[in-house]
Amino acid sequence: MTNETVTIRKPHLIIRAVVVLFIWSFAFIDHNPMIRFEAIIGLSPSPVERFFGFKSLFSGMTEGVHQFVRLNFIDSLKANVFAPLVIPIIAYFTLTWTFPKIDTKTKEIIFFLSFVLISIIVNILN
């Protein structure tokens, strides 16, 4: 067995745009099955919020994204101040077909510290 890098060809722009529209339409569904699934497996409210009593980056994110795709920007911000960034970021990475990778210890530390800092901001603003 060798340790080769697997490369995946970038799909055509139209296919990537269809994927973005699919993600947008899935988030737009009333009584979304993903929300029910999150509740069943215990991810709603977020485990950090449930066990420790303070919000994390993901607290209110599902509601915020749902409100964002329905163009209720104020309600989206009320649910989570970072929720309006989720769909545009996903759309950007999907359309450009570039995805961030945490492949070094430095990136791992930066990611963890960013998560903690953003969670503090969510607690202050929400």
Protein backbone atom coordinates (compact mmCIF):
# COMPACT_ATOMS: atom_id res chain seq x y z
CA MET A 1 0.00 0.00 0.00
CA THR A 2 1.42 3.35 -1.00
CA ASN A 3 0.82 6.77 0.47
CA GLU A 4 -0.36 8.54 -2.69
CA THR A 5 -2.37 11.71 -2.89
CA VAL A 6 -5.79 11.29 -4.44
CA THR A 7 -6.76 14.17 -6.69
CA ILE A 8 -10.35 14.85 -7.61
CA ARG A 9 -11.09 16.76 -10.78
CA LYS A 10 -12.93 20.01 -10.33
CA PRO A 11 -16.53 19.59 -11.56
CA HIS A 12 -17.86 21.96 -14.19
CA LEU A 13 -19.06 25.34 -12.88
CA ILE A 14 -22.69 24.51 -13.72
CA ILE A 15 -22.55 21.37 -11.58
CA ARG A 16 -21.01 23.34 -8.71
CA ALA A 17 -23.75 26.00 -9.07
CA VAL A 18 -26.42 23.27 -8.97
CA VAL A 19 -24.86 21.94 -5.75
CA VAL A 20 -25.04 25.44 -4.21
CA LEU A 21 -28.70 25.77 -5.26
CA PHE A 22 -29.42 22.32 -3.78
CA ILE A 23 -27.83 23.33 -0.46
CA TRP A 24 -29.82 26.57 -0.48
CA SER A 25 -33.11 24.79 -1.26
CA PHE A 26 -32.46 22.09 1.36
CA ALA A 27 -31.91 24.76 4.01
CA PHE A 28 -35.17 26.42 2.89
CA ILE A 29 -37.38 23.36 3.69
CA ASP A 30 -40.01 23.81 6.41
CA HIS A 31 -39.84 21.06 9.06
CA ASN A 32 -36.38 20.24 7.79
CA PRO A 33 -35.42 16.59 8.46
CA MET A 34 -31.88 17.69 9.37
CA ILE A 35 -33.21 19.78 12.26
CA ARG A 36 -35.24 16.84 13.55
CA PHE A 37 -32.18 14.59 13.22
CA GLU A 38 -30.07 17.08 15.22
CA ALA A 39 -32.66 17.07 18.00
CA ILE A 40 -32.88 13.26 18.07
CA ILE A 41 -29.11 12.72 18.36
CA GLY A 42 -28.74 15.47 20.95
CA LEU A 43 -27.08 18.24 18.94
CA SER A 44 -29.86 20.78 19.49
CA PRO A 45 -29.27 22.74 21.63
CA SER A 46 -25.55 22.31 21.24
CA PRO A 47 -23.94 19.99 23.81
CA VAL A 48 -21.70 22.82 25.08
CA GLU A 49 -24.77 24.96 25.76
CA ARG A 50 -26.73 22.08 27.31
CA PHE A 51 -23.98 20.83 29.64
CA PHE A 52 -22.04 23.98 30.52
CA GLY A 53 -24.68 26.68 30.13
CA PHE A 54 -22.85 28.95 27.70
CA LYS A 55 -23.20 29.28 23.95
CA SER A 56 -20.70 28.08 21.40
CA LEU A 57 -20.13 29.09 17.80
CA PHE A 58 -22.90 26.69 16.73
CA SER A 59 -25.58 27.80 19.23
CA GLY A 60 -28.53 29.06 17.21
CA MET A 61 -26.73 28.39 13.94
CA THR A 62 -29.44 26.16 12.45
CA GLU A 63 -32.17 28.71 13.11
CA GLY A 64 -29.93 31.52 11.91
CA VAL A 65 -29.15 29.79 8.60
CA HIS A 66 -32.83 28.89 8.14
CA GLN A 67 -33.78 32.56 8.63
CA PHE A 68 -30.97 33.70 6.32
CA VAL A 69 -32.11 31.58 3.37
CA ARG A 70 -35.62 33.00 3.89
CA LEU A 71 -34.03 36.48 3.68
CA ASN A 72 -34.97 37.34 7.29
CA PHE A 73 -31.58 38.89 8.02
CA ILE A 74 -32.50 40.48 11.37
CA ASP A 75 -33.87 37.18 12.73
CA SER A 76 -30.79 35.43 11.38
CA LEU A 77 -28.52 37.80 13.31
CA LYS A 78 -30.64 37.41 16.45
CA ALA A 79 -30.25 33.62 16.33
CA ASN A 80 -26.47 33.75 15.83
CA VAL A 81 -24.43 36.73 14.70
CA PHE A 82 -22.29 34.48 12.46
CA ALA A 83 -25.19 32.61 10.81
CA PRO A 84 -25.40 34.98 7.80
CA LEU A 85 -21.83 33.99 6.89
CA VAL A 86 -22.47 30.24 6.59
CA ILE A 87 -24.27 30.02 3.24
CA PRO A 88 -21.99 32.56 1.45
CA ILE A 89 -18.89 30.73 2.75
CA ILE A 90 -20.23 27.33 1.67
CA ALA A 91 -21.20 28.80 -1.71
CA TYR A 92 -17.72 30.32 -2.16
CA PHE A 93 -15.86 27.09 -1.35
CA THR A 94 -18.21 25.04 -3.52
CA LEU A 95 -18.05 27.36 -6.53
CA THR A 96 -14.26 27.75 -6.37
CA TRP A 97 -13.81 24.09 -5.38
CA THR A 98 -11.19 25.00 -2.80
CA PHE A 99 -11.64 23.74 0.74
CA PRO A 100 -9.58 24.66 3.80
CA LYS A 101 -7.54 21.87 5.33
CA ILE A 102 -6.20 21.61 8.84
CA ASP A 103 -2.99 19.81 7.99
CA THR A 104 -0.50 21.30 10.43
CA LYS A 105 -0.35 21.75 14.17
CA THR A 106 -0.29 25.53 13.71
CA LYS A 107 -3.53 25.49 11.69
CA GLU A 108 -5.08 23.23 14.33
CA ILE A 109 -4.20 25.67 17.12
CA ILE A 110 -5.45 28.65 15.08
CA PHE A 111 -8.73 26.81 14.40
CA PHE A 112 -9.22 25.96 18.09
CA LEU A 113 -8.40 29.48 19.28
CA SER A 114 -10.71 30.96 16.62
CA PHE A 115 -13.51 28.66 17.77
CA VAL A 116 -13.05 29.79 21.38
CA LEU A 117 -12.83 33.48 20.43
CA ILE A 118 -15.90 33.31 18.17
CA SER A 119 -17.81 31.44 20.89
CA ILE A 120 -16.99 34.26 23.33
CA ILE A 121 -18.26 36.81 20.79
CA VAL A 122 -21.51 34.80 20.35
CA ASN A 123 -22.01 34.84 24.15
CA ILE A 124 -21.48 38.59 24.32
CA LEU A 125 -23.66 39.52 21.34
CA ASN A 126 -26.47 36.94 21.62
